[in-house]
Amino acid sequence: MGDFQQFLPIVLMFVVVYLFMIRPQMQRQKKEKQFAADLKKGDRVITKSGLHAKIFEISEKNDAVVLETTAGKLTFDRSSISLELSRKLNAPAETVSKAK
């Protein structure tokens, strides 16, 4: 029983690290993967670098999207599209004002 009590603080520390750091990161990655898979032609998006555009074409072969902007068409990886910024862009005006 004494040996178990020595390791109890270490075990609790690993549980806390898992619950507050590892698990939320895994859930976020899962949401981002689902978001990238659900992209479709015509969606308005914002890239992680801040480019506002509309999806013109999706290339499954290259895992890329062709974005249409006022300057022309650009090709980006699906992973470069920001989940948070794109959701804010497409959210109704009431939701955005309530979030502030």
N, C-alpha and C. Protein backbone atom coordinates (compact mmCIF):
# COMPACT_ATOMS: atom_id res chain seq x y z
N MET A 1 0.82 -1.19 0.00
CA MET A 1 0.00 0.00 0.00
C MET A 1 0.86 1.25 0.00
N GLY A 2 1.99 1.22 0.68
CA GLY A 2 2.88 2.37 0.75
C GLY A 2 3.49 2.71 -0.61
N ASP A 3 3.79 1.69 -1.43
CA ASP A 3 4.36 1.94 -2.75
C ASP A 3 3.36 2.67 -3.65
N PHE A 4 2.10 2.30 -3.56
CA PHE A 4 1.07 2.94 -4.38
C PHE A 4 0.92 4.41 -4.01
N GLN A 5 1.00 4.72 -2.73
CA GLN A 5 0.83 6.10 -2.29
C GLN A 5 2.00 6.98 -2.74
N GLN A 6 3.16 6.39 -2.97
CA GLN A 6 4.29 7.15 -3.47
C GLN A 6 4.03 7.61 -4.91
N PHE A 7 3.40 6.76 -5.71
CA PHE A 7 3.17 7.07 -7.11
C PHE A 7 1.85 7.78 -7.38
N LEU A 8 1.01 7.89 -6.39
CA LEU A 8 -0.29 8.54 -6.57
C LEU A 8 -0.18 9.98 -7.07
N PRO A 9 0.70 10.83 -6.53
CA PRO A 9 0.81 12.20 -7.06
C PRO A 9 1.24 12.23 -8.53
N ILE A 10 2.11 11.33 -8.94
CA ILE A 10 2.56 11.28 -10.33
C ILE A 10 1.41 10.84 -11.24
N VAL A 11 0.65 9.85 -10.80
CA VAL A 11 -0.50 9.38 -11.58
C VAL A 11 -1.54 10.50 -11.71
N LEU A 12 -1.81 11.20 -10.63
CA LEU A 12 -2.75 12.30 -10.68
C LEU A 12 -2.27 13.42 -11.60
N MET A 13 -0.97 13.67 -11.61
CA MET A 13 -0.42 14.69 -12.47
C MET A 13 -0.64 14.31 -13.95
N PHE A 14 -0.43 13.05 -14.30
CA PHE A 14 -0.66 12.60 -15.68
C PHE A 14 -2.14 12.71 -16.05
N VAL A 15 -3.03 12.42 -15.12
CA VAL A 15 -4.47 12.52 -15.40
C VAL A 15 -4.84 13.99 -15.66
N VAL A 16 -4.32 14.89 -14.85
CA VAL A 16 -4.61 16.31 -15.03
C VAL A 16 -4.06 16.82 -16.37
N VAL A 17 -2.85 16.43 -16.71
CA VAL A 17 -2.25 16.84 -17.98
C VAL A 17 -3.09 16.32 -19.14
N TYR A 18 -3.54 15.09 -19.06
CA TYR A 18 -4.36 14.52 -20.12
C TYR A 18 -5.67 15.28 -20.26
N LEU A 19 -6.35 15.53 -19.14
CA LEU A 19 -7.66 16.16 -19.19
C LEU A 19 -7.61 17.62 -19.63
N PHE A 20 -6.57 18.35 -19.26
CA PHE A 20 -6.53 19.77 -19.55
C PHE A 20 -5.66 20.15 -20.75
N MET A 21 -4.82 19.24 -21.24
CA MET A 21 -3.94 19.60 -22.35
C MET A 21 -4.09 18.67 -23.55
N ILE A 22 -3.99 17.40 -23.35
CA ILE A 22 -3.96 16.47 -24.47
C ILE A 22 -5.34 16.27 -25.08
N ARG A 23 -6.34 16.00 -24.26
CA ARG A 23 -7.68 15.73 -24.77
C ARG A 23 -8.29 16.91 -25.53
N PRO A 24 -8.22 18.14 -25.02
CA PRO A 24 -8.76 19.27 -25.80
C PRO A 24 -8.06 19.45 -27.15
N GLN A 25 -6.75 19.21 -27.19
CA GLN A 25 -6.01 19.34 -28.44
C GLN A 25 -6.46 18.27 -29.44
N MET A 26 -6.70 17.06 -28.98
CA MET A 26 -7.19 15.99 -29.85
C MET A 26 -8.57 16.32 -30.40
N GLN A 27 -9.44 16.88 -29.56
CA GLN A 27 -10.78 17.26 -30.01
C GLN A 27 -10.71 18.37 -31.05
N ARG A 28 -9.82 19.33 -30.84
CA ARG A 28 -9.67 20.42 -31.81
C ARG A 28 -9.17 19.89 -33.15
N GLN A 29 -8.20 18.98 -33.13
CA GLN A 29 -7.70 18.40 -34.37
C GLN A 29 -8.79 17.64 -35.10
N LYS A 30 -9.62 16.95 -34.35
CA LYS A 30 -10.73 16.20 -34.95
C LYS A 30 -11.71 17.16 -35.63
N LYS A 31 -12.04 18.28 -34.98
CA LYS A 31 -12.94 19.27 -35.57
C LYS A 31 -12.35 19.88 -36.83
N GLU A 32 -11.05 20.18 -36.81
CA GLU A 32 -10.40 20.77 -37.98
C GLU A 32 -10.38 19.79 -39.15
N LYS A 33 -10.13 18.51 -38.88
CA LYS A 33 -10.17 17.50 -39.93
C LYS A 33 -11.56 17.40 -40.54
N GLN A 34 -12.58 17.40 -39.69
CA GLN A 34 -13.96 17.31 -40.17
C GLN A 34 -14.32 18.55 -40.99
N PHE A 35 -13.89 19.72 -40.53
CA PHE A 35 -14.14 20.97 -41.26
C PHE A 35 -13.51 20.91 -42.64
N ALA A 36 -12.25 20.46 -42.73
CA ALA A 36 -11.57 20.37 -44.02
C ALA A 36 -12.25 19.36 -44.94
N ALA A 37 -12.76 18.28 -44.38
CA ALA A 37 -13.45 17.27 -45.19
C ALA A 37 -14.81 17.77 -45.67
N ASP A 38 -15.46 18.64 -44.91
CA ASP A 38 -16.80 19.13 -45.25
C ASP A 38 -16.79 20.32 -46.20
N LEU A 39 -15.62 20.83 -46.56
CA LEU A 39 -15.58 21.98 -47.46
C LEU A 39 -16.20 21.61 -48.80
N LYS A 40 -16.93 22.58 -49.38
CA LYS A 40 -17.56 22.33 -50.67
C LYS A 40 -17.45 23.58 -51.54
N LYS A 41 -17.68 23.42 -52.80
CA LYS A 41 -17.59 24.51 -53.76
C LYS A 41 -18.59 25.60 -53.38
N GLY A 42 -18.13 26.85 -53.39
CA GLY A 42 -18.99 27.98 -53.08
C GLY A 42 -18.89 28.46 -51.64
N ASP A 43 -18.25 27.71 -50.75
CA ASP A 43 -18.09 28.13 -49.36
C ASP A 43 -17.17 29.36 -49.29
N ARG A 44 -17.54 30.30 -48.44
CA ARG A 44 -16.69 31.45 -48.17
C ARG A 44 -15.77 31.08 -47.01
N VAL A 45 -14.46 31.28 -47.20
CA VAL A 45 -13.48 30.88 -46.20
C VAL A 45 -12.44 31.98 -46.00
N ILE A 46 -11.69 31.83 -44.92
CA ILE A 46 -10.53 32.67 -44.65
C ILE A 46 -9.36 31.74 -44.38
N THR A 47 -8.24 31.99 -45.03
CA THR A 47 -7.06 31.16 -44.78
C THR A 47 -6.39 31.60 -43.49
N LYS A 48 -5.47 30.80 -43.00
CA LYS A 48 -4.76 31.13 -41.77
C LYS A 48 -3.88 32.36 -41.95
N SER A 49 -3.55 32.69 -43.19
CA SER A 49 -2.76 33.89 -43.45
C SER A 49 -3.64 35.12 -43.62
N GLY A 50 -4.98 34.94 -43.60
CA GLY A 50 -5.89 36.08 -43.64
C GLY A 50 -6.53 36.37 -44.98
N LEU A 51 -6.36 35.52 -45.96
CA LEU A 51 -6.93 35.72 -47.29
C LEU A 51 -8.42 35.35 -47.28
N HIS A 52 -9.28 36.27 -47.66
CA HIS A 52 -10.72 36.02 -47.77
C HIS A 52 -11.00 35.57 -49.20
N ALA A 53 -11.74 34.46 -49.35
CA ALA A 53 -12.00 33.95 -50.68
C ALA A 53 -13.21 33.03 -50.67
N LYS A 54 -13.57 32.59 -51.87
CA LYS A 54 -14.65 31.63 -52.04
C LYS A 54 -14.05 30.41 -52.74
N ILE A 55 -14.47 29.22 -52.32
CA ILE A 55 -13.92 28.00 -52.90
C ILE A 55 -14.46 27.85 -54.31
N PHE A 56 -13.54 27.76 -55.27
CA PHE A 56 -13.90 27.61 -56.67
C PHE A 56 -13.89 26.15 -57.10
N GLU A 57 -12.91 25.40 -56.58
CA GLU A 57 -12.75 24.01 -56.97
C GLU A 57 -12.02 23.26 -55.86
N ILE A 58 -12.33 21.98 -55.70
CA ILE A 58 -11.66 21.14 -54.71
C ILE A 58 -10.95 20.01 -55.43
N SER A 59 -9.67 19.86 -55.17
CA SER A 59 -8.86 18.81 -55.79
C SER A 59 -8.60 17.71 -54.76
N GLU A 60 -9.26 16.58 -54.91
CA GLU A 60 -9.06 15.46 -54.00
C GLU A 60 -7.67 14.84 -54.20
N LYS A 61 -7.18 14.88 -55.43
CA LYS A 61 -5.89 14.27 -55.75
C LYS A 61 -4.74 14.95 -55.00
N ASN A 62 -4.76 16.27 -54.96
CA ASN A 62 -3.68 17.03 -54.31
C ASN A 62 -4.03 17.46 -52.90
N ASP A 63 -5.25 17.13 -52.44
CA ASP A 63 -5.75 17.58 -51.14
C ASP A 63 -5.62 19.09 -51.02
N ALA A 64 -6.08 19.76 -52.09
CA ALA A 64 -5.98 21.21 -52.17
C ALA A 64 -7.31 21.80 -52.60
N VAL A 65 -7.42 23.11 -52.45
CA VAL A 65 -8.59 23.84 -52.91
C VAL A 65 -8.13 25.01 -53.76
N VAL A 66 -8.92 25.34 -54.77
CA VAL A 66 -8.66 26.51 -55.59
C VAL A 66 -9.61 27.59 -55.08
N LEU A 67 -9.03 28.69 -54.63
CA LEU A 67 -9.80 29.79 -54.07
C LEU A 67 -9.91 30.91 -55.08
N GLU A 68 -11.11 31.46 -55.19
CA GLU A 68 -11.36 32.56 -56.11
C GLU A 68 -11.40 33.85 -55.31
N THR A 69 -10.53 34.78 -55.67
CA THR A 69 -10.48 36.09 -55.03
C THR A 69 -10.68 37.15 -56.09
N THR A 70 -10.71 38.41 -55.68
CA THR A 70 -10.84 39.48 -56.67
C THR A 70 -9.59 39.59 -57.53
N ALA A 71 -8.47 39.09 -57.04
CA ALA A 71 -7.22 39.15 -57.79
C ALA A 71 -7.02 37.96 -58.72
N GLY A 72 -7.84 36.94 -58.59
CA GLY A 72 -7.70 35.76 -59.44
C GLY A 72 -7.93 34.49 -58.64
N LYS A 73 -7.40 33.39 -59.17
CA LYS A 73 -7.56 32.09 -58.52
C LYS A 73 -6.23 31.63 -57.96
N LEU A 74 -6.28 31.14 -56.71
CA LEU A 74 -5.08 30.66 -56.03
C LEU A 74 -5.33 29.26 -55.50
N THR A 75 -4.29 28.44 -55.46
CA THR A 75 -4.40 27.08 -54.93
C THR A 75 -3.76 27.03 -53.54
N PHE A 76 -4.50 26.47 -52.60
CA PHE A 76 -4.04 26.32 -51.22
C PHE A 76 -4.28 24.90 -50.76
N ASP A 77 -3.49 24.43 -49.80
CA ASP A 77 -3.77 23.16 -49.13
C ASP A 77 -5.03 23.33 -48.29
N ARG A 78 -5.75 22.23 -48.11
CA ARG A 78 -6.95 22.29 -47.27
C ARG A 78 -6.60 22.68 -45.84
N SER A 79 -5.44 22.27 -45.38
CA SER A 79 -5.05 22.54 -44.00
C SER A 79 -4.76 24.02 -43.75
N SER A 80 -4.63 24.82 -44.80
CA SER A 80 -4.34 26.24 -44.61
C SER A 80 -5.60 27.08 -44.39
N ILE A 81 -6.77 26.44 -44.43
CA ILE A 81 -8.01 27.18 -44.21
C ILE A 81 -8.33 27.16 -42.72
N SER A 82 -8.60 28.34 -42.18
CA SER A 82 -8.81 28.50 -40.74
C SER A 82 -10.25 28.16 -40.36
N LEU A 83 -10.40 27.25 -39.43
CA LEU A 83 -11.72 26.84 -38.93
C LEU A 83 -12.39 28.00 -38.19
N GLU A 84 -11.69 28.61 -37.25
CA GLU A 84 -12.29 29.66 -36.42
C GLU A 84 -12.67 30.89 -37.23
N LEU A 85 -11.75 31.36 -38.08
CA LEU A 85 -12.02 32.57 -38.85
C LEU A 85 -13.13 32.34 -39.87
N SER A 86 -13.16 31.18 -40.49
CA SER A 86 -14.20 30.87 -41.47
C SER A 86 -15.57 30.76 -40.81
N ARG A 87 -15.62 30.19 -39.62
CA ARG A 87 -16.90 30.11 -38.91
C ARG A 87 -17.40 31.49 -38.54
N LYS A 88 -16.51 32.37 -38.10
CA LYS A 88 -16.91 33.74 -37.77
C LYS A 88 -17.42 34.47 -39.01
N LEU A 89 -16.79 34.25 -40.14
CA LEU A 89 -17.20 34.89 -41.38
C LEU A 89 -18.60 34.45 -41.78
N ASN A 90 -18.90 33.18 -41.63
CA ASN A 90 -20.18 32.62 -42.07
C ASN A 90 -21.26 32.65 -41.00
N ALA A 91 -20.92 33.09 -39.79
CA ALA A 91 -21.91 33.13 -38.71
C ALA A 91 -22.91 34.26 -38.95
N PRO A 92 -24.16 34.06 -38.56
CA PRO A 92 -25.14 35.15 -38.67
C PRO A 92 -24.71 36.35 -37.83
N ALA A 93 -25.15 37.53 -38.20
CA ALA A 93 -24.76 38.77 -37.51
C ALA A 93 -25.17 38.77 -36.06
N GLU A 94 -26.31 38.17 -35.71
CA GLU A 94 -26.78 38.14 -34.32
C GLU A 94 -25.83 37.35 -33.44
N THR A 95 -25.35 36.21 -33.95
CA THR A 95 -24.45 35.37 -33.17
C THR A 95 -23.14 36.08 -32.89
N VAL A 96 -22.61 36.79 -33.87
CA VAL A 96 -21.35 37.49 -33.71
C VAL A 96 -21.50 38.61 -32.69
N SER A 97 -22.60 39.36 -32.73
CA SER A 97 -22.77 40.46 -31.78
C SER A 97 -22.98 39.95 -30.36
N LYS A 98 -23.62 38.79 -30.19
CA LYS A 98 -23.81 38.21 -28.86
C LYS A 98 -22.51 37.69 -28.28
N ALA A 99 -21.58 37.23 -29.14
CA ALA A 99 -20.33 36.68 -28.67
C ALA A 99 -19.41 37.75 -28.11
N LYS A 100 -19.59 38.97 -28.52
CA LYS A 100 -18.70 40.06 -28.04
C LYS A 100 -19.04 40.46 -26.69
